[in-house]
Amino acid sequence: MDTENYFKSLTNLKSMRIFLIGFMGSGKTHWGKRIAEKLQIPFYDLDAVIVHSEGMNISEIFAVKGEEYFRYMEKQTLEDLVSREENFVLSAGGGTPCFFNNIEFMKRNGKVLWLNTSLEALNQRLLKEKMSRPLLRGITEAGLRAYIIRKLSERKMYYEQADLMVHEESTELDSFINLLQ
């Protein structure tokens, strides 16, 4: 693609909402920031927006108000963001697409990209991040792999509804951009 057409295609992408979904540790925030920077549009991490709004970290929200409250806040925050912003890249929480028909809402309001990361990569990443992830706190190292397999099997039907799927470990930034065109 010549340079002029490449920049025209980036301009076209600026008028869209991009939702990144996938299991925790799949790279949604990492890639979301890079895609947003490349497209020169805002990046939002849904969990970070909720943390800011609630004045508590995710673990505290789960402990004090429960998962059901958190899932409701995900839905509300997602809808508020879409109503306010025309252009953005959003890193959704791993469970976001699985509740309140959020996957359908995201598909109606933008492009949904599933970061399909391998079990091995997820296991390695989440072992390092266990203490910062409220849903993983009580899980032993030995039980983590089984937990990931179980949760992935529960969530896969939602993730598979994405507009696009990427094998996260084997891609480059330009590959993401090309997929979105």
Protein backbone atom coordinates (compact mmCIF):
# COMPACT_ATOMS: atom_id res chain seq x y z
CA MET A 1 0.00 0.00 0.00
CA ASP A 2 1.42 3.41 -0.88
CA THR A 3 1.88 6.04 1.83
CA GLU A 4 -1.01 8.23 0.74
CA ASN A 5 -3.52 5.35 0.81
CA TYR A 6 -2.10 4.13 4.10
CA PHE A 7 -2.77 7.48 5.79
CA LYS A 8 -6.23 7.69 4.20
CA SER A 9 -7.03 4.30 5.70
CA LEU A 10 -5.85 5.51 9.12
CA THR A 11 -8.07 8.57 8.79
CA ASN A 12 -11.05 6.31 8.07
CA LEU A 13 -10.26 4.29 11.19
CA LYS A 14 -10.33 7.44 13.32
CA SER A 15 -14.11 7.56 13.00
CA MET A 16 -14.71 4.31 14.80
CA ARG A 17 -14.80 2.63 18.15
CA ILE A 18 -12.58 -0.39 18.64
CA PHE A 19 -13.32 -2.79 21.49
CA LEU A 20 -10.62 -5.26 22.48
CA ILE A 21 -11.87 -8.37 24.24
CA GLY A 22 -10.18 -11.49 25.53
CA PHE A 23 -9.20 -13.31 28.67
CA MET A 24 -7.38 -11.49 31.45
CA GLY A 25 -3.70 -11.30 30.57
CA SER A 26 -4.37 -11.52 26.82
CA GLY A 27 -2.71 -8.17 26.08
CA LYS A 28 -5.78 -5.96 25.63
CA THR A 29 -4.32 -2.97 27.46
CA HIS A 30 -0.87 -3.36 25.89
CA TRP A 31 -2.23 -3.54 22.34
CA GLY A 32 -5.02 -1.06 22.97
CA LYS A 33 -2.57 1.68 23.93
CA ARG A 34 -0.41 0.98 20.91
CA ILE A 35 -3.33 0.90 18.45
CA ALA A 36 -4.81 4.11 19.87
CA GLU A 37 -1.45 5.86 19.67
CA LYS A 38 -0.94 4.75 16.08
CA LEU A 39 -4.45 5.89 15.10
CA GLN A 40 -4.18 9.05 17.23
CA ILE A 41 -7.45 8.39 19.04
CA PRO A 42 -8.14 8.07 22.78
CA PHE A 43 -7.51 4.84 24.67
CA TYR A 44 -9.61 3.69 27.60
CA ASP A 45 -9.15 0.75 29.92
CA LEU A 46 -12.65 -0.07 31.17
CA ASP A 47 -11.35 -1.32 34.54
CA ALA A 48 -9.29 1.85 35.03
CA VAL A 49 -12.30 4.06 34.26
CA ILE A 50 -14.35 2.14 36.86
CA VAL A 51 -11.55 2.36 39.44
CA HIS A 52 -11.35 6.12 38.93
CA SER A 53 -15.13 6.51 39.15
CA GLU A 54 -15.53 4.32 42.24
CA GLY A 55 -12.42 5.53 44.09
CA MET A 56 -11.51 1.90 44.84
CA ASN A 57 -9.37 -0.66 43.09
CA ILE A 58 -11.03 -3.70 41.48
CA SER A 59 -10.17 -5.97 44.41
CA GLU A 60 -11.81 -3.54 46.84
CA ILE A 61 -14.91 -3.22 44.66
CA PHE A 62 -15.24 -7.02 44.56
CA ALA A 63 -14.68 -7.30 48.32
CA VAL A 64 -16.92 -4.42 49.40
CA LYS A 65 -19.66 -4.34 46.76
CA GLY A 66 -19.40 -7.75 45.07
CA GLU A 67 -18.93 -9.03 41.55
CA GLU A 68 -22.56 -8.37 40.58
CA TYR A 69 -22.15 -4.66 41.37
CA PHE A 70 -18.88 -4.57 39.43
CA ARG A 71 -20.49 -6.20 36.37
CA TYR A 72 -23.30 -3.64 36.49
CA MET A 73 -20.71 -0.83 36.66
CA GLU A 74 -18.96 -2.33 33.61
CA LYS A 75 -22.22 -2.15 31.66
CA GLN A 76 -23.00 1.42 32.77
CA THR A 77 -19.48 2.67 32.14
CA LEU A 78 -19.39 1.04 28.70
CA GLU A 79 -22.70 2.64 27.72
CA ASP A 80 -21.66 6.05 29.10
CA LEU A 81 -18.39 5.98 27.18
CA VAL A 82 -20.12 5.08 23.91
CA SER A 83 -22.67 7.86 24.42
CA ARG A 84 -19.89 10.44 24.96
CA GLU A 85 -17.14 9.38 22.54
CA GLU A 86 -17.16 8.82 18.78
CA ASN A 87 -13.60 7.55 18.46
CA PHE A 88 -11.62 5.36 20.82
CA VAL A 89 -9.91 2.09 21.52
CA LEU A 90 -11.25 0.33 24.60
CA SER A 91 -9.71 -2.52 26.53
CA ALA A 92 -12.71 -4.36 28.00
CA GLY A 93 -12.38 -6.53 31.08
CA GLY A 94 -12.10 -10.26 30.42
CA GLY A 95 -15.67 -10.85 31.56
CA THR A 96 -17.23 -7.73 30.06
CA PRO A 97 -18.59 -9.41 26.90
CA CYS A 98 -20.22 -12.17 28.97
CA PHE A 99 -22.71 -10.06 30.94
CA PHE A 100 -25.77 -7.90 30.14
CA ASN A 101 -25.50 -8.50 26.37
CA ASN A 102 -22.38 -6.30 26.34
CA ILE A 103 -20.95 -8.19 23.36
CA GLU A 104 -23.98 -7.27 21.27
CA PHE A 105 -23.82 -3.66 22.47
CA MET A 106 -20.14 -3.40 21.49
CA LYS A 107 -20.77 -4.96 18.08
CA ARG A 108 -23.59 -2.48 17.38
CA ASN A 109 -21.37 0.45 18.36
CA GLY A 110 -17.99 -0.39 16.87
CA LYS A 111 -15.59 -3.15 15.87
CA VAL A 112 -14.87 -5.93 18.36
CA LEU A 113 -11.46 -7.57 18.19
CA TRP A 114 -10.81 -10.77 20.18
CA LEU A 115 -7.23 -11.26 21.33
CA ASN A 116 -7.09 -15.04 21.32
CA THR A 117 -4.00 -15.70 23.40
CA SER A 118 -2.65 -19.21 23.95
CA LEU A 119 -3.22 -21.06 27.21
CA GLU A 120 0.54 -21.21 27.79
CA ALA A 121 0.99 -17.45 27.38
CA LEU A 122 -2.00 -16.71 29.63
CA ASN A 123 -0.74 -19.08 32.32
CA GLN A 124 2.76 -17.54 32.31
CA ARG A 125 1.48 -13.96 32.41
CA LEU A 126 -1.15 -14.60 35.08
CA LEU A 127 1.27 -16.44 37.36
CA LYS A 128 3.24 -13.17 37.53
CA GLU A 129 0.11 -11.03 38.07
CA LYS A 130 -1.90 -13.26 40.43
CA MET A 131 -1.95 -10.89 43.39
CA SER A 132 -3.20 -7.95 41.33
CA ARG A 133 -6.13 -9.93 39.89
CA PRO A 134 -9.06 -10.31 42.33
CA LEU A 135 -10.49 -13.38 40.62
CA LEU A 136 -7.15 -15.19 40.96
CA ARG A 137 -6.25 -14.42 44.55
CA GLY A 138 -7.37 -17.71 46.10
CA ILE A 139 -6.10 -19.92 43.30
CA THR A 140 -2.91 -21.92 43.74
CA GLU A 141 -0.21 -21.97 41.09
CA ALA A 142 -1.14 -25.57 40.32
CA GLY A 143 -4.83 -24.65 40.00
CA LEU A 144 -4.32 -21.64 37.74
CA ARG A 145 -4.12 -23.61 34.50
CA ALA A 146 -7.37 -25.47 35.30
CA TYR A 147 -9.05 -22.16 36.22
CA ILE A 148 -8.02 -20.59 32.90
CA ILE A 149 -9.28 -23.61 30.94
CA ARG A 150 -12.62 -23.59 32.78
CA LYS A 151 -13.17 -19.83 32.42
CA LEU A 152 -12.11 -19.82 28.77
CA SER A 153 -14.60 -22.58 28.00
CA GLU A 154 -17.36 -20.52 29.70
CA ARG A 155 -16.43 -17.32 27.86
CA LYS A 156 -15.44 -18.65 24.46
CA MET A 157 -18.99 -18.43 23.05
CA TYR A 158 -18.95 -14.68 23.77
CA TYR A 159 -15.42 -14.09 22.52
CA GLU A 160 -16.19 -15.93 19.27
CA GLN A 161 -18.88 -13.34 18.47
CA ALA A 162 -16.18 -10.72 17.89
CA ASP A 163 -15.91 -9.18 14.44
CA LEU A 164 -12.25 -10.13 14.22
CA MET A 165 -9.94 -12.59 15.98
CA VAL A 166 -6.18 -12.28 16.37
CA HIS A 167 -3.69 -14.78 17.77
CA GLU A 168 -2.10 -12.19 20.01
CA GLU A 169 1.40 -13.65 20.45
CA SER A 170 2.11 -13.88 16.74
CA THR A 171 1.08 -10.45 15.51
CA GLU A 172 2.56 -7.01 15.04
CA LEU A 173 1.00 -3.55 15.40
CA ASP A 174 0.61 -3.08 11.65
CA SER A 175 -1.22 -6.42 11.47
CA PHE A 176 -3.83 -5.09 13.89
CA ILE A 177 -4.21 -1.91 11.88
CA ASN A 178 -4.55 -3.84 8.61
CA LEU A 179 -7.23 -6.08 10.13
CA LEU A 180 -9.27 -3.06 11.18
CA GLN A 181 -9.35 -1.50 7.71
